[in-house]
Protein backbone atom coordinates (compact mmCIF):
# COMPACT_ATOMS: atom_id res chain seq x y z
CA MET A 1 22.95 -49.61 -75.89
CA LYS A 2 25.34 -51.51 -78.09
CA VAL A 3 29.04 -51.15 -77.54
CA LYS A 4 31.88 -52.58 -79.54
CA THR A 5 34.27 -54.49 -77.37
CA ASP A 6 37.38 -53.91 -79.46
CA SER A 7 39.75 -50.99 -79.00
CA SER A 8 37.61 -48.51 -80.96
CA ALA A 9 34.74 -48.80 -78.37
CA TRP A 10 32.09 -47.29 -80.64
CA SER A 11 28.64 -46.73 -79.16
CA ALA A 12 25.55 -47.20 -81.33
CA PHE A 13 23.02 -45.17 -79.37
CA ASP A 14 20.80 -42.47 -80.83
CA PRO A 15 18.10 -41.28 -78.38
CA THR A 16 16.28 -39.39 -81.16
CA LEU A 17 15.30 -42.60 -82.88
CA SER A 18 12.45 -44.73 -81.61
CA LYS A 19 14.36 -47.83 -82.70
CA PRO A 20 18.08 -47.87 -81.93
CA SER A 21 20.20 -47.66 -85.08
CA THR A 22 23.42 -49.46 -85.74
CA PRO A 23 25.69 -46.82 -87.32
CA LEU A 24 28.63 -49.17 -87.57
CA LYS A 25 26.65 -51.72 -89.53
CA ASP A 26 25.26 -48.95 -91.73
CA VAL A 27 28.77 -47.60 -92.36
CA ASP A 28 30.17 -51.08 -92.93
CA ALA A 29 27.39 -51.90 -95.41
CA GLU A 30 27.95 -48.60 -97.19
CA VAL A 31 31.70 -49.23 -97.41
CA ARG A 32 31.16 -52.74 -98.75
CA SER A 33 28.92 -51.32 -101.45
CA THR A 34 31.50 -48.77 -102.64
CA GLU A 35 33.38 -49.28 -105.84
CA SER A 36 36.79 -48.93 -104.20
CA ALA A 37 39.04 -51.77 -105.15
CA SER A 38 41.43 -51.60 -102.22
CA ILE A 39 40.53 -52.86 -98.74
CA THR A 40 42.74 -50.10 -97.33
CA THR A 41 40.63 -47.50 -99.12
CA LYS A 42 37.45 -49.07 -97.78
CA ILE A 43 38.83 -49.04 -94.23
CA GLU A 44 39.86 -45.39 -94.57
CA GLU A 45 36.37 -44.51 -95.85
CA ALA A 46 34.78 -46.35 -92.91
CA ASP A 47 37.07 -44.57 -90.46
CA ARG A 48 36.16 -41.18 -91.97
CA ARG A 49 32.45 -41.95 -91.68
CA LYS A 50 32.84 -43.14 -88.07
CA SER A 51 34.81 -40.01 -87.30
CA ASN A 52 32.06 -37.83 -88.81
CA LEU A 53 29.43 -39.65 -86.76
CA LEU A 54 31.53 -39.16 -83.64
CA VAL A 55 31.87 -35.44 -84.35
CA ASP A 56 28.08 -35.18 -84.76
CA LEU A 57 27.58 -36.94 -81.43
CA ALA A 58 30.14 -34.67 -79.78
CA TYR A 59 28.34 -31.55 -81.05
CA ARG A 60 25.01 -32.88 -79.76
CA PHE A 61 26.58 -33.80 -76.41
CA GLN A 62 28.07 -30.30 -76.09
CA GLU A 63 24.74 -28.61 -76.91
CA ILE A 64 22.87 -30.67 -74.32
CA HIS A 65 25.61 -30.20 -71.73
CA GLU A 66 25.48 -26.40 -72.16
CA ARG A 67 21.66 -26.45 -71.91
CA VAL A 68 21.84 -28.54 -68.71
CA GLU A 69 24.37 -26.13 -67.19
CA LYS A 70 22.15 -23.17 -68.08
CA ASP A 71 19.06 -24.90 -66.68
CA THR A 72 20.93 -25.86 -63.51
CA ALA A 73 22.02 -22.26 -62.97
CA GLU A 74 18.44 -21.07 -63.48
CA LEU A 75 17.13 -23.75 -61.11
CA ASP A 76 19.69 -22.71 -58.47
CA GLN A 77 18.55 -19.08 -58.83
CA LEU A 78 14.87 -20.07 -58.45
CA THR A 79 15.73 -22.21 -55.41
CA ALA A 80 17.44 -19.23 -53.77
CA GLU A 81 14.53 -16.93 -54.56
CA ILE A 82 11.95 -19.39 -53.18
CA ALA A 83 14.07 -20.07 -50.07
CA HIS A 84 14.20 -16.32 -49.44
CA TYR A 85 10.48 -16.41 -48.54
CA PHE A 86 11.05 -19.01 -45.81
CA PRO A 87 12.71 -18.61 -42.40
CA GLU A 88 16.43 -19.33 -42.18
CA GLU A 89 16.29 -22.14 -39.65
CA ALA A 90 17.12 -25.82 -39.69
CA GLY A 91 14.32 -28.21 -40.59
CA GLU A 92 11.51 -28.39 -43.11
CA VAL A 93 8.92 -25.64 -43.57
CA SER A 94 6.03 -25.79 -46.02
CA LYS A 95 3.61 -23.24 -47.40
CA GLU A 96 0.60 -23.57 -49.63
CA SER A 97 0.60 -20.95 -52.35
CA GLY A 98 -2.05 -20.97 -55.02
CA GLU A 99 -2.11 -24.41 -56.53
CA PHE A 100 1.28 -25.45 -55.13
CA ASN A 101 2.62 -26.86 -51.87
CA ILE A 102 6.16 -25.58 -51.45
CA PHE A 103 8.61 -27.27 -49.09
CA VAL A 104 11.97 -25.85 -48.04
CA ASN A 105 14.32 -28.05 -46.07
CA ARG A 106 17.54 -26.75 -44.53
CA THR A 107 20.04 -29.03 -42.89
CA GLU A 108 22.56 -27.77 -40.39
CA ARG A 109 26.26 -28.43 -39.97
CA TRP A 110 27.94 -27.98 -36.63
CA VAL A 111 31.55 -26.83 -36.52
CA TRP A 112 33.54 -27.00 -33.29
CA ASP A 113 36.46 -24.65 -32.78
CA LYS A 114 39.27 -27.05 -31.84
CA LYS A 115 41.52 -24.32 -30.45
CA LYS A 116 38.81 -23.10 -28.06
CA LEU A 117 38.02 -26.67 -27.00
CA GLU A 118 41.73 -27.29 -26.34
CA GLU A 119 41.89 -24.16 -24.18
CA HIS A 120 38.76 -25.21 -22.31
CA PHE A 121 39.78 -28.80 -21.59
CA GLY A 122 43.58 -28.41 -21.52
CA GLU A 123 45.37 -31.59 -20.48
CA GLN A 124 42.64 -32.77 -18.11
CA GLU A 125 40.79 -36.01 -18.70
CA LEU A 126 38.09 -35.50 -21.31
CA PRO A 127 34.41 -36.26 -20.78
CA THR A 128 32.92 -39.16 -22.80
CA TYR A 129 31.21 -36.82 -25.25
CA VAL A 130 34.50 -35.17 -26.33
CA THR A 131 37.00 -37.15 -28.41
CA ARG A 132 40.78 -36.62 -28.24
CA ASN A 133 40.89 -34.73 -31.53
CA LEU A 134 38.54 -32.38 -29.74
CA THR A 135 35.37 -32.68 -31.72
CA VAL A 136 32.06 -33.05 -29.96
CA ASP A 137 29.62 -35.85 -30.72
CA LYS A 138 26.45 -34.02 -31.71
CA ARG A 139 24.00 -36.65 -30.43
CA LYS A 140 25.71 -37.00 -27.08
CA PHE A 141 25.97 -33.23 -26.78
CA GLN A 142 22.24 -32.83 -27.40
CA ARG A 143 21.48 -35.28 -24.57
CA LEU A 144 23.48 -33.23 -22.06
CA SER A 145 21.79 -30.96 -19.57
CA HIS A 146 21.33 -27.31 -20.49
CA GLU A 147 24.13 -26.27 -18.10
CA GLU A 148 26.61 -28.74 -19.62
CA GLN A 149 25.70 -27.58 -23.13
CA SER A 150 26.07 -23.92 -22.16
CA ALA A 151 29.62 -24.60 -20.95
CA LEU A 152 30.67 -25.54 -24.50
CA ARG A 153 28.50 -23.33 -26.72
CA PHE A 154 31.32 -20.76 -27.03
CA ALA A 155 33.15 -23.20 -29.32
CA LEU A 156 30.16 -24.12 -31.50
CA THR A 157 29.27 -22.53 -34.82
CA ARG A 158 26.08 -23.74 -36.45
CA ASN A 159 25.98 -23.28 -40.24
CA LEU A 160 22.92 -23.83 -42.41
CA ASN A 161 23.54 -25.81 -45.58
CA SER A 162 21.98 -24.75 -48.87
CA PRO A 163 18.20 -25.06 -48.85
CA ARG A 164 16.45 -27.80 -50.79
CA VAL A 165 13.17 -26.74 -52.35
CA LYS A 166 10.38 -29.07 -53.46
CA VAL A 167 7.30 -27.76 -55.25
CA ILE A 168 4.27 -30.02 -55.59
CA LYS A 169 1.31 -29.01 -57.70
CA ASN A 170 -2.01 -29.61 -55.95
CA VAL A 171 -4.38 -31.89 -57.78
């Protein structure tokens, strides 16, 4: 992509063309070929043409942006519908359906209730797996014995994040 380095910062990219065009050079050549006598008139004509090109690019950008937003909304809806057929649990689950392998992966976020942890630990010295701001290190917590984990589960809320769906067509 070509970019002017002066203050006008005009881009000369047209993805519809197989060979990139140079609109500024085209406009400049067209302005030079006009019959206008005044350089000021030529500059004004060039600015009008650049402005028209910019408006065309802006319209195209807006059309594509709206299409992407619509497609993204439709893709989100399909993701939710596909995920509905899979269990709501953390981890990856796959199913073969017709000519497709469908994978749904759900990650999990743990949220610790700081008020409940504060009530539980009070001012006593904290164990190594609990930090002073009263959050619990997930990895250390998972290595604790079942009894130690049970003592803190009252303050834990486990939330599933949005599912990620991957569909692979079988060959």
